Amino acid sequence: MHKTILLFAVLCLLGCCNKIESPYAQKSTALAQEQPPKSCEVKETAKRWLRFFIDKRPHYVMSASIRPDDPIESGVDCSRYGYLVCKWSGVPVQRVTARDMAMGFGGWTGIKVSEDDADELDFFWWTWRNKPQRAYGHVGYGFILPNGLLGVTHASQTRGHIVLDKFKGQLVSDLVLIKKMVFFKCPSTISKSE
């Protein structure tokens, strides 16, 4: 199967596959690229998927009880939320825990940024003060609020579903890391002041 995919990818690169229909075409294209599609396209797609999740508000379920590709009606936790948004946006990452995402495992590479430089689609990690044993135990994603300011969307265990919050209070005080993920590099349009 891998040889078939590789052959198809080579033919596509040579421009020979315009008339060839293959069940492996999508996989072949992804394998032929070292990087995901153009980052601005990926960013726009990811924003649409985040909006989809925010509107749908799937319930919170700890990841141990669900498989990565179960339907969202099965529930999501904070890291599965990001995994599904990235996967459905064409970003080749693996399903890992929030802590492993913060450490860059499974393809989750990024550049650390300050709160002042935080932007939409940046990844935010928290170590809650009441749970210091869970370093980097929660992850959320920058998203623009209706007022144009930066907010954070995350799967909230205490509220039981995906939420979109203002970036203030405990979301700021317990924050430990913000990363600009390399697959979402693209100019921003957010306002930094209230």
N, C-alpha and C. Protein backbone atom coordinates (compact mmCIF):
# COMPACT_ATOMS: atom_id res chain seq x y z
N MET A 1 0.82 -1.18 0.00
CA MET A 1 0.00 0.00 0.00
C MET A 1 0.87 1.25 0.00
N HIS A 2 1.96 1.26 0.81
CA HIS A 2 2.84 2.43 0.86
C HIS A 2 3.50 2.68 -0.49
N LYS A 3 3.85 1.62 -1.22
CA LYS A 3 4.45 1.79 -2.53
C LYS A 3 3.45 2.40 -3.52
N THR A 4 2.18 2.00 -3.41
CA THR A 4 1.14 2.55 -4.27
C THR A 4 0.97 4.04 -4.01
N ILE A 5 0.95 4.41 -2.74
CA ILE A 5 0.80 5.82 -2.38
C ILE A 5 2.00 6.62 -2.87
N LEU A 6 3.20 6.10 -2.66
CA LEU A 6 4.41 6.79 -3.09
C LEU A 6 4.43 6.94 -4.61
N LEU A 7 4.08 5.90 -5.35
CA LEU A 7 4.05 5.97 -6.80
C LEU A 7 3.04 7.02 -7.26
N PHE A 8 1.87 7.03 -6.65
CA PHE A 8 0.86 8.01 -7.03
C PHE A 8 1.34 9.43 -6.73
N ALA A 9 2.03 9.61 -5.59
CA ALA A 9 2.57 10.93 -5.23
C ALA A 9 3.59 11.39 -6.26
N VAL A 10 4.46 10.50 -6.69
CA VAL A 10 5.47 10.84 -7.70
C VAL A 10 4.78 11.21 -9.01
N LEU A 11 3.78 10.44 -9.42
CA LEU A 11 3.06 10.75 -10.65
C LEU A 11 2.37 12.11 -10.55
N CYS A 12 1.81 12.42 -9.37
CA CYS A 12 1.17 13.72 -9.19
C CYS A 12 2.19 14.85 -9.29
N LEU A 13 3.35 14.65 -8.69
CA LEU A 13 4.39 15.67 -8.77
C LEU A 13 4.85 15.89 -10.21
N LEU A 14 4.83 14.85 -11.01
CA LEU A 14 5.23 14.96 -12.41
C LEU A 14 4.09 15.44 -13.30
N GLY A 15 2.91 15.62 -12.72
CA GLY A 15 1.77 16.11 -13.49
C GLY A 15 1.09 15.04 -14.32
N CYS A 16 1.31 13.79 -13.97
CA CYS A 16 0.76 12.69 -14.77
C CYS A 16 -0.56 12.15 -14.24
N CYS A 17 -1.05 12.69 -13.15
CA CYS A 17 -2.21 12.03 -12.53
C CYS A 17 -3.50 12.83 -12.69
N ASN A 18 -3.54 13.76 -13.60
CA ASN A 18 -4.76 14.55 -13.77
C ASN A 18 -5.97 13.67 -14.07
N LYS A 19 -5.77 12.58 -14.79
CA LYS A 19 -6.90 11.73 -15.19
C LYS A 19 -7.02 10.49 -14.32
N ILE A 20 -6.10 10.31 -13.37
CA ILE A 20 -6.11 9.11 -12.53
C ILE A 20 -6.95 9.36 -11.29
N GLU A 21 -7.90 8.52 -11.02
CA GLU A 21 -8.69 8.58 -9.80
C GLU A 21 -8.17 7.50 -8.87
N SER A 22 -7.81 7.87 -7.67
CA SER A 22 -7.28 6.89 -6.74
C SER A 22 -7.87 7.13 -5.35
N PRO A 23 -8.17 6.06 -4.63
CA PRO A 23 -8.63 6.24 -3.26
C PRO A 23 -7.53 6.78 -2.37
N TYR A 24 -6.28 6.74 -2.84
CA TYR A 24 -5.15 7.21 -2.05
C TYR A 24 -4.74 8.63 -2.43
N ALA A 25 -5.48 9.30 -3.29
CA ALA A 25 -5.07 10.62 -3.80
C ALA A 25 -4.87 11.61 -2.67
N GLN A 26 -5.79 11.67 -1.73
CA GLN A 26 -5.66 12.63 -0.64
C GLN A 26 -4.45 12.29 0.23
N LYS A 27 -4.26 11.01 0.56
CA LYS A 27 -3.11 10.60 1.36
C LYS A 27 -1.82 10.85 0.59
N SER A 28 -1.82 10.59 -0.70
CA SER A 28 -0.62 10.77 -1.50
C SER A 28 -0.19 12.22 -1.52
N THR A 29 -1.13 13.11 -1.68
CA THR A 29 -0.80 14.53 -1.69
C THR A 29 -0.21 14.94 -0.36
N ALA A 30 -0.80 14.47 0.74
CA ALA A 30 -0.27 14.82 2.06
C ALA A 30 1.13 14.26 2.25
N LEU A 31 1.39 13.05 1.78
CA LEU A 31 2.71 12.47 1.91
C LEU A 31 3.75 13.19 1.05
N ALA A 32 3.32 13.72 -0.06
CA ALA A 32 4.25 14.39 -0.96
C ALA A 32 4.67 15.75 -0.42
N GLN A 33 3.95 16.28 0.56
CA GLN A 33 4.27 17.59 1.12
C GLN A 33 4.89 17.42 2.49
N GLU A 34 6.00 18.12 2.72
CA GLU A 34 6.61 18.11 4.05
C GLU A 34 5.82 18.99 5.00
N GLN A 35 5.26 20.08 4.50
CA GLN A 35 4.49 21.02 5.30
C GLN A 35 3.01 20.89 4.92
N PRO A 36 2.11 21.30 5.82
CA PRO A 36 0.70 21.31 5.47
C PRO A 36 0.43 22.34 4.38
N PRO A 37 -0.80 22.41 3.86
CA PRO A 37 -1.12 23.40 2.83
C PRO A 37 -0.77 24.81 3.29
N LYS A 38 -0.90 25.78 2.39
CA LYS A 38 -0.56 27.17 2.70
C LYS A 38 -1.14 27.55 4.06
N SER A 39 -0.28 28.14 4.91
CA SER A 39 -0.70 28.37 6.29
C SER A 39 -1.89 29.30 6.42
N CYS A 40 -2.04 30.28 5.53
CA CYS A 40 -3.22 31.17 5.63
C CYS A 40 -4.50 30.40 5.33
N GLU A 41 -4.45 29.46 4.38
CA GLU A 41 -5.61 28.62 4.09
C GLU A 41 -5.92 27.71 5.27
N VAL A 42 -4.87 27.13 5.86
CA VAL A 42 -5.05 26.27 7.02
C VAL A 42 -5.63 27.09 8.17
N LYS A 43 -5.14 28.30 8.35
CA LYS A 43 -5.63 29.15 9.44
C LYS A 43 -7.11 29.47 9.27
N GLU A 44 -7.51 29.82 8.06
CA GLU A 44 -8.93 30.13 7.83
C GLU A 44 -9.80 28.89 8.04
N THR A 45 -9.33 27.74 7.60
CA THR A 45 -10.07 26.50 7.81
C THR A 45 -10.17 26.18 9.29
N ALA A 46 -9.07 26.34 10.02
CA ALA A 46 -9.07 26.08 11.46
C ALA A 46 -10.04 27.01 12.19
N LYS A 47 -10.08 28.28 11.80
CA LYS A 47 -11.02 29.21 12.43
C LYS A 47 -12.46 28.76 12.20
N ARG A 48 -12.76 28.26 11.01
CA ARG A 48 -14.12 27.76 10.74
C ARG A 48 -14.44 26.55 11.61
N TRP A 49 -13.45 25.64 11.78
CA TRP A 49 -13.69 24.46 12.62
C TRP A 49 -13.84 24.85 14.09
N LEU A 50 -13.05 25.81 14.56
CA LEU A 50 -13.23 26.27 15.94
C LEU A 50 -14.63 26.84 16.12
N ARG A 51 -15.08 27.66 15.17
CA ARG A 51 -16.42 28.24 15.24
C ARG A 51 -17.48 27.13 15.24
N PHE A 52 -17.27 26.10 14.43
CA PHE A 52 -18.19 24.95 14.39
C PHE A 52 -18.30 24.33 15.78
N PHE A 53 -17.15 24.08 16.43
CA PHE A 53 -17.17 23.47 17.76
C PHE A 53 -17.81 24.40 18.79
N ILE A 54 -17.49 25.70 18.73
CA ILE A 54 -18.06 26.66 19.67
C ILE A 54 -19.58 26.67 19.55
N ASP A 55 -20.07 26.67 18.31
CA ASP A 55 -21.52 26.69 18.09
C ASP A 55 -22.18 25.37 18.48
N LYS A 56 -21.52 24.25 18.19
CA LYS A 56 -22.11 22.94 18.46
C LYS A 56 -22.04 22.58 19.95
N ARG A 57 -21.03 23.09 20.66
CA ARG A 57 -20.84 22.86 22.09
C ARG A 57 -20.88 21.39 22.50
N PRO A 58 -20.04 20.54 21.90
CA PRO A 58 -20.05 19.14 22.33
C PRO A 58 -19.68 19.04 23.81
N HIS A 59 -20.20 18.01 24.47
CA HIS A 59 -19.97 17.86 25.90
C HIS A 59 -18.54 17.41 26.19
N TYR A 60 -18.11 17.72 27.41
CA TYR A 60 -16.75 17.38 27.85
C TYR A 60 -16.72 15.92 28.30
N VAL A 61 -15.73 15.19 27.80
CA VAL A 61 -15.47 13.82 28.23
C VAL A 61 -13.96 13.66 28.34
N MET A 62 -13.49 13.16 29.47
CA MET A 62 -12.05 12.94 29.63
C MET A 62 -11.57 12.00 28.54
N SER A 63 -10.42 12.28 27.98
CA SER A 63 -9.94 11.58 26.79
C SER A 63 -9.76 10.08 26.97
N ALA A 64 -9.53 9.63 28.17
CA ALA A 64 -9.30 8.20 28.38
C ALA A 64 -10.50 7.35 27.97
N SER A 65 -11.68 7.95 27.93
CA SER A 65 -12.88 7.18 27.62
C SER A 65 -13.29 7.23 26.16
N ILE A 66 -12.53 7.94 25.31
CA ILE A 66 -12.87 8.04 23.89
C ILE A 66 -11.63 7.84 23.03
N ARG A 67 -11.86 7.35 21.83
CA ARG A 67 -10.76 7.19 20.86
C ARG A 67 -10.62 8.49 20.07
N PRO A 68 -9.42 8.78 19.53
CA PRO A 68 -9.20 10.05 18.83
C PRO A 68 -10.20 10.34 17.71
N ASP A 69 -10.62 9.32 16.98
CA ASP A 69 -11.49 9.57 15.83
C ASP A 69 -12.95 9.21 16.06
N ASP A 70 -13.35 9.04 17.33
CA ASP A 70 -14.77 8.86 17.63
C ASP A 70 -15.52 10.12 17.19
N PRO A 71 -16.80 10.01 16.86
CA PRO A 71 -17.56 11.21 16.47
C PRO A 71 -17.60 12.21 17.62
N ILE A 72 -17.72 13.50 17.30
CA ILE A 72 -17.69 14.51 18.36
C ILE A 72 -18.86 14.37 19.32
N GLU A 73 -19.93 13.69 18.90
CA GLU A 73 -21.04 13.45 19.81
C GLU A 73 -20.61 12.58 21.00
N SER A 74 -19.46 11.88 20.84
CA SER A 74 -18.92 11.08 21.94
C SER A 74 -18.30 11.97 23.01
N GLY A 75 -18.06 13.24 22.65
CA GLY A 75 -17.48 14.20 23.59
C GLY A 75 -16.05 14.54 23.22
N VAL A 76 -15.56 15.61 23.82
CA VAL A 76 -14.18 16.05 23.60
C VAL A 76 -13.59 16.50 24.93
N ASP A 77 -12.27 16.42 25.01
CA ASP A 77 -11.56 17.09 26.09
C ASP A 77 -10.70 18.16 25.45
N CYS A 78 -9.89 18.85 26.23
CA CYS A 78 -9.17 20.01 25.70
C CYS A 78 -8.20 19.66 24.57
N SER A 79 -7.45 18.58 24.72
CA SER A 79 -6.47 18.25 23.68
C SER A 79 -7.12 17.60 22.46
N ARG A 80 -8.18 16.85 22.65
CA ARG A 80 -8.88 16.27 21.50
C ARG A 80 -9.53 17.36 20.65
N TYR A 81 -10.00 18.40 21.31
CA TYR A 81 -10.57 19.55 20.60
C TYR A 81 -9.55 20.11 19.61
N GLY A 82 -8.35 20.40 20.09
CA GLY A 82 -7.29 20.92 19.20
C GLY A 82 -6.87 19.93 18.15
N TYR A 83 -6.79 18.66 18.53
CA TYR A 83 -6.41 17.62 17.57
C TYR A 83 -7.40 17.57 16.42
N LEU A 84 -8.70 17.55 16.73
CA LEU A 84 -9.70 17.45 15.67
C LEU A 84 -9.71 18.69 14.77
N VAL A 85 -9.58 19.87 15.37
CA VAL A 85 -9.53 21.09 14.56
C VAL A 85 -8.34 21.04 13.61
N CYS A 86 -7.18 20.66 14.12
CA CYS A 86 -5.99 20.58 13.26
C CYS A 86 -6.14 19.50 12.20
N LYS A 87 -6.57 18.34 12.60
CA LYS A 87 -6.73 17.23 11.66
C LYS A 87 -7.70 17.60 10.54
N TRP A 88 -8.83 18.17 10.89
CA TRP A 88 -9.83 18.53 9.89
C TRP A 88 -9.41 19.73 9.06
N SER A 89 -8.37 20.45 9.51
CA SER A 89 -7.83 21.58 8.75
C SER A 89 -6.67 21.17 7.86
N GLY A 90 -6.30 19.88 7.91
CA GLY A 90 -5.22 19.38 7.06
C GLY A 90 -3.85 19.42 7.70
N VAL A 91 -3.77 19.62 9.02
CA VAL A 91 -2.48 19.66 9.71
C VAL A 91 -2.14 18.26 10.20
N PRO A 92 -0.99 17.72 9.78
CA PRO A 92 -0.62 16.34 10.15
C PRO A 92 -0.01 16.25 11.55
N VAL A 93 -0.87 16.14 12.56
CA VAL A 93 -0.42 15.98 13.94
C VAL A 93 -0.99 14.70 14.52
N GLN A 94 -0.39 14.26 15.63
CA GLN A 94 -0.87 13.06 16.31
C GLN A 94 -1.68 13.46 17.53
N ARG A 95 -2.57 12.58 17.94
CA ARG A 95 -3.37 12.81 19.14
C ARG A 95 -2.51 12.51 20.36
N VAL A 96 -2.23 13.53 21.15
CA VAL A 96 -1.45 13.40 22.38
C VAL A 96 -2.13 14.22 23.47
N THR A 97 -1.61 14.14 24.69
CA THR A 97 -2.17 14.90 25.81
C THR A 97 -1.81 16.37 25.69
N ALA A 98 -2.47 17.20 26.49
CA ALA A 98 -2.16 18.64 26.51
C ALA A 98 -0.69 18.86 26.88
N ARG A 99 -0.18 18.12 27.85
CA ARG A 99 1.22 18.27 28.26
C ARG A 99 2.15 17.92 27.11
N ASP A 100 1.89 16.81 26.41
CA ASP A 100 2.74 16.41 25.29
C ASP A 100 2.66 17.42 24.14
N MET A 101 1.48 18.02 23.94
CA MET A 101 1.36 19.08 22.94
C MET A 101 2.29 20.24 23.30
N ALA A 102 2.29 20.63 24.58
CA ALA A 102 3.13 21.75 25.04
C ALA A 102 4.61 21.45 24.84
N MET A 103 4.99 20.19 24.98
CA MET A 103 6.39 19.79 24.82
C MET A 103 6.79 19.61 23.36
N GLY A 104 5.84 19.73 22.44
CA GLY A 104 6.15 19.63 21.01
C GLY A 104 6.09 18.23 20.44
N PHE A 105 5.56 17.27 21.21
CA PHE A 105 5.48 15.89 20.71
C PHE A 105 4.35 15.73 19.71
N GLY A 106 4.46 14.76 18.83
CA GLY A 106 3.40 14.43 17.89
C GLY A 106 3.18 15.47 16.80
N GLY A 107 4.20 16.29 16.53
CA GLY A 107 4.09 17.30 15.48
C GLY A 107 3.60 18.65 15.95
N TRP A 108 3.40 18.85 17.25
CA TRP A 108 2.87 20.10 17.80
C TRP A 108 3.99 21.10 18.06
N THR A 109 4.69 21.50 17.02
CA THR A 109 5.81 22.42 17.19
C THR A 109 5.35 23.86 17.08
N GLY A 110 5.98 24.70 17.86
CA GLY A 110 5.61 26.10 17.84
C GLY A 110 6.68 26.96 18.48
N ILE A 111 6.40 28.25 18.50
CA ILE A 111 7.31 29.24 19.04
C ILE A 111 6.64 29.90 20.23
N LYS A 112 7.34 29.94 21.36
CA LYS A 112 6.79 30.55 22.57
C LYS A 112 6.60 32.05 22.33
N VAL A 113 5.44 32.57 22.74
CA VAL A 113 5.16 34.00 22.63
C VAL A 113 4.64 34.52 23.97
N SER A 114 4.72 35.83 24.17
CA SER A 114 4.24 36.46 25.39
C SER A 114 2.73 36.70 25.31
N GLU A 115 2.14 37.05 26.45
CA GLU A 115 0.71 37.38 26.46
C GLU A 115 0.43 38.55 25.53
N ASP A 116 1.33 39.54 25.51
CA ASP A 116 1.14 40.71 24.65
C ASP A 116 1.18 40.36 23.16
N ASP A 117 1.90 39.29 22.81
CA ASP A 117 2.02 38.88 21.41
C ASP A 117 1.06 37.76 21.04
N ALA A 118 0.23 37.34 21.99
CA ALA A 118 -0.72 36.25 21.72
C ALA A 118 -1.70 36.67 20.64
N ASP A 119 -2.16 35.70 19.87
CA ASP A 119 -2.96 35.96 18.69
C ASP A 119 -3.99 34.84 18.51
N GLU A 120 -4.90 35.03 17.59
CA GLU A 120 -5.87 33.98 17.30
C GLU A 120 -5.13 32.73 16.82
N LEU A 121 -5.65 31.59 17.20
CA LEU A 121 -5.13 30.26 16.91
C LEU A 121 -3.82 29.93 17.60
N ASP A 122 -3.32 30.82 18.47
CA ASP A 122 -2.20 30.43 19.32
C ASP A 122 -2.75 29.44 20.34
N PHE A 123 -1.87 28.60 20.84
CA PHE A 123 -2.26 27.59 21.82
C PHE A 123 -1.87 28.10 23.21
N PHE A 124 -2.78 27.99 24.17
CA PHE A 124 -2.58 28.46 25.54
C PHE A 124 -2.59 27.25 26.47
N TRP A 125 -1.60 27.15 27.37
CA TRP A 125 -1.56 26.05 28.34
C TRP A 125 -1.64 26.59 29.76
N TRP A 126 -2.35 25.83 30.61
CA TRP A 126 -2.50 26.21 32.00
C TRP A 126 -2.06 25.07 32.90
N THR A 127 -1.51 25.45 34.06
CA THR A 127 -1.35 24.56 35.19
C THR A 127 -2.19 25.19 36.28
N TRP A 128 -3.36 24.63 36.55
CA TRP A 128 -4.25 25.22 37.54
C TRP A 128 -3.60 25.19 38.91
N ARG A 129 -3.73 26.29 39.63
CA ARG A 129 -3.11 26.39 40.96
C ARG A 129 -3.62 25.31 41.91
N ASN A 130 -4.87 24.91 41.73
CA ASN A 130 -5.42 23.88 42.62
C ASN A 130 -5.05 22.46 42.16
N LYS A 131 -4.31 22.35 41.03
CA LYS A 131 -3.85 21.05 40.53
C LYS A 131 -2.40 21.16 40.03
N PRO A 132 -1.47 21.55 40.89
CA PRO A 132 -0.09 21.76 40.43
C PRO A 132 0.59 20.48 39.93
N GLN A 133 0.08 19.33 40.32
CA GLN A 133 0.65 18.06 39.86
C GLN A 133 0.35 17.82 38.38
N ARG A 134 -0.57 18.58 37.79
CA ARG A 134 -0.91 18.42 36.37
C ARG A 134 -0.32 19.58 35.57
N ALA A 135 1.01 19.63 35.49
CA ALA A 135 1.68 20.69 34.74
C ALA A 135 1.22 20.64 33.29
N TYR A 136 0.90 21.79 32.73
CA TYR A 136 0.40 21.90 31.36
C TYR A 136 -0.84 21.02 31.16
N GLY A 137 -1.67 20.95 32.20
CA GLY A 137 -2.79 20.02 32.19
C GLY A 137 -4.01 20.46 31.40
N HIS A 138 -4.00 21.68 30.88
CA HIS A 138 -5.17 22.15 30.13
C HIS A 138 -4.68 23.01 28.97
N VAL A 139 -5.35 22.89 27.82
CA VAL A 139 -4.96 23.66 26.64
C VAL A 139 -6.20 24.28 26.01
N GLY A 140 -6.03 25.49 25.50
CA GLY A 140 -7.09 26.20 24.79
C GLY A 140 -6.49 26.91 23.59
N TYR A 141 -7.33 27.59 22.85
CA TYR A 141 -6.93 28.13 21.56
C TYR A 141 -7.43 29.56 21.41
N GLY A 142 -6.55 30.45 20.96
CA GLY A 142 -6.93 31.83 20.76
C GLY A 142 -8.03 31.96 19.71
N PHE A 143 -9.02 32.79 20.00
CA PHE A 143 -10.13 33.00 19.07
C PHE A 143 -10.64 34.42 19.27
N ILE A 144 -11.06 35.05 18.20
CA ILE A 144 -11.52 36.43 18.27
C ILE A 144 -12.95 36.49 18.78
N LEU A 145 -13.15 37.30 19.82
CA LEU A 145 -14.48 37.52 20.38
C LEU A 145 -15.28 38.45 19.45
N PRO A 146 -16.60 38.49 19.60
CA PRO A 146 -17.41 39.39 18.76
C PRO A 146 -16.98 40.86 18.82
N ASN A 147 -16.37 41.29 19.95
CA ASN A 147 -15.93 42.67 20.08
C ASN A 147 -14.56 42.93 19.43
N GLY A 148 -13.98 41.89 18.80
CA GLY A 148 -12.70 42.04 18.12
C GLY A 148 -11.48 41.78 18.98
N LEU A 149 -11.68 41.53 20.28
CA LEU A 149 -10.56 41.25 21.17
C LEU A 149 -10.26 39.75 21.19
N LEU A 150 -9.08 39.43 21.67
CA LEU A 150 -8.66 38.04 21.74
C LEU A 150 -9.34 37.34 22.91
N GLY A 151 -9.94 36.20 22.63
CA GLY A 151 -10.52 35.34 23.66
C GLY A 151 -9.86 33.98 23.59
N VAL A 152 -10.35 33.06 24.39
CA VAL A 152 -9.81 31.70 24.41
C VAL A 152 -10.98 30.73 24.36
N THR A 153 -10.90 29.76 23.45
CA THR A 153 -11.89 28.69 23.41
C THR A 153 -11.22 27.42 23.92
N HIS A 154 -11.97 26.68 24.74
CA HIS A 154 -11.42 25.45 25.31
C HIS A 154 -12.56 24.54 25.75
N ALA A 155 -12.23 23.29 25.95
CA ALA A 155 -13.21 22.32 26.45
C ALA A 155 -13.16 22.38 27.97
N SER A 156 -14.18 22.94 28.57
CA SER A 156 -14.21 23.17 30.01
C SER A 156 -14.81 21.98 30.75
N GLN A 157 -14.01 21.37 31.61
CA GLN A 157 -14.51 20.25 32.40
C GLN A 157 -15.54 20.74 33.42
N THR A 158 -15.31 21.90 34.03
CA THR A 158 -16.24 22.39 35.06
C THR A 158 -17.59 22.80 34.48
N ARG A 159 -17.60 23.32 33.25
CA ARG A 159 -18.87 23.72 32.64
C ARG A 159 -19.45 22.62 31.76
N GLY A 160 -18.63 21.60 31.45
CA GLY A 160 -19.14 20.42 30.77
C GLY A 160 -19.24 20.48 29.25
N HIS A 161 -18.65 21.51 28.62
CA HIS A 161 -18.71 21.61 27.16
C HIS A 161 -17.66 22.61 26.66
N ILE A 162 -17.60 22.79 25.37
CA ILE A 162 -16.68 23.77 24.78
C ILE A 162 -17.22 25.17 25.01
N VAL A 163 -16.31 26.08 25.39
CA VAL A 163 -16.69 27.45 25.71
C VAL A 163 -15.78 28.43 24.98
N LEU A 164 -16.22 29.68 24.91
CA LEU A 164 -15.42 30.79 24.41
C LEU A 164 -15.43 31.84 25.51
N ASP A 165 -14.25 32.13 26.09
CA ASP A 165 -14.14 33.04 27.23
C ASP A 165 -13.28 34.25 26.90
N LYS A 166 -13.51 35.32 27.65
CA LYS A 166 -12.59 36.46 27.62
C LYS A 166 -11.27 35.99 28.22
N PHE A 167 -10.19 36.54 27.75
CA PHE A 167 -8.87 36.18 28.25
C PHE A 167 -8.58 37.07 29.47
N LYS A 168 -9.08 36.63 30.64
CA LYS A 168 -8.91 37.38 31.87
C LYS A 168 -9.07 36.44 33.06
N GLY A 169 -8.87 36.96 34.27
CA GLY A 169 -9.07 36.19 35.49
C GLY A 169 -8.14 34.99 35.58
N GLN A 170 -8.73 33.85 35.94
CA GLN A 170 -7.93 32.63 36.12
C GLN A 170 -7.29 32.17 34.82
N LEU A 171 -7.89 32.50 33.69
CA LEU A 171 -7.28 32.13 32.41
C LEU A 171 -5.95 32.83 32.20
N VAL A 172 -5.77 33.98 32.83
CA VAL A 172 -4.50 34.70 32.75
C VAL A 172 -3.59 34.30 33.91
N SER A 173 -4.12 34.25 35.13
CA SER A 173 -3.28 34.02 36.30
C SER A 173 -2.66 32.62 36.34
N ASP A 174 -3.33 31.61 35.81
CA ASP A 174 -2.79 30.25 35.82
C ASP A 174 -2.12 29.85 34.51
N LEU A 175 -2.00 30.78 33.59
CA LEU A 175 -1.39 30.52 32.29
C LEU A 175 0.11 30.23 32.47
N VAL A 176 0.61 29.20 31.79
CA VAL A 176 2.04 28.88 31.88
C VAL A 176 2.77 28.95 30.54
N LEU A 177 2.05 28.90 29.42
CA LEU A 177 2.72 28.88 28.13
C LEU A 177 1.75 29.28 27.03
N ILE A 178 2.25 30.06 26.08
CA ILE A 178 1.51 30.36 24.85
C ILE A 178 2.46 30.06 23.70
N LYS A 179 1.98 29.31 22.72
CA LYS A 179 2.79 29.00 21.54
C LYS A 179 2.05 29.39 20.27
N LYS A 180 2.80 29.99 19.38
CA LYS A 180 2.34 30.24 18.02
C LYS A 180 2.74 28.99 17.24
N MET A 181 1.76 28.22 16.81
CA MET A 181 2.06 26.97 16.13
C MET A 181 2.52 27.25 14.70
N VAL A 182 3.55 26.55 14.27
CA VAL A 182 4.16 26.85 12.97
C VAL A 182 3.20 26.66 11.81
N PHE A 183 2.20 25.80 11.96
CA PHE A 183 1.28 25.57 10.85
C PHE A 183 0.19 26.63 10.76
N PHE A 184 0.15 27.61 11.67
CA PHE A 184 -0.85 28.68 11.62
C PHE A 184 -0.24 30.06 11.43
N LYS A 185 0.97 30.14 10.90
CA LYS A 185 1.60 31.45 10.69
C LYS A 185 0.87 32.19 9.56
N CYS A 186 0.36 33.35 9.88
CA CYS A 186 -0.36 34.16 8.92
C CYS A 186 -0.66 35.49 9.60
N PRO A 187 -0.71 36.61 8.89
CA PRO A 187 -0.99 37.91 9.53
C PRO A 187 -2.32 37.90 10.28
N SER A 188 -2.35 38.65 11.38
CA SER A 188 -3.55 38.73 12.23
C SER A 188 -4.35 39.99 11.94
N THR A 189 -5.59 39.97 12.43
CA THR A 189 -6.45 41.13 12.28
C THR A 189 -7.09 41.51 13.61
N ILE A 190 -6.48 41.12 14.75
CA ILE A 190 -7.14 41.38 16.03
C ILE A 190 -6.73 42.70 16.64
N SER A 191 -7.57 43.18 17.54
CA SER A 191 -7.30 44.39 18.30
C SER A 191 -6.68 43.97 19.63
N LYS A 192 -5.63 44.64 20.07
CA LYS A 192 -4.93 44.26 21.31
C LYS A 192 -5.42 45.01 22.54
N SER A 193 -6.27 46.01 22.39
CA SER A 193 -6.70 46.78 23.55
C SER A 193 -8.22 46.71 23.72
N GLU A 194 -8.67 47.02 24.95
CA GLU A 194 -10.12 47.00 25.21
C GLU A 194 -10.70 48.35 24.96
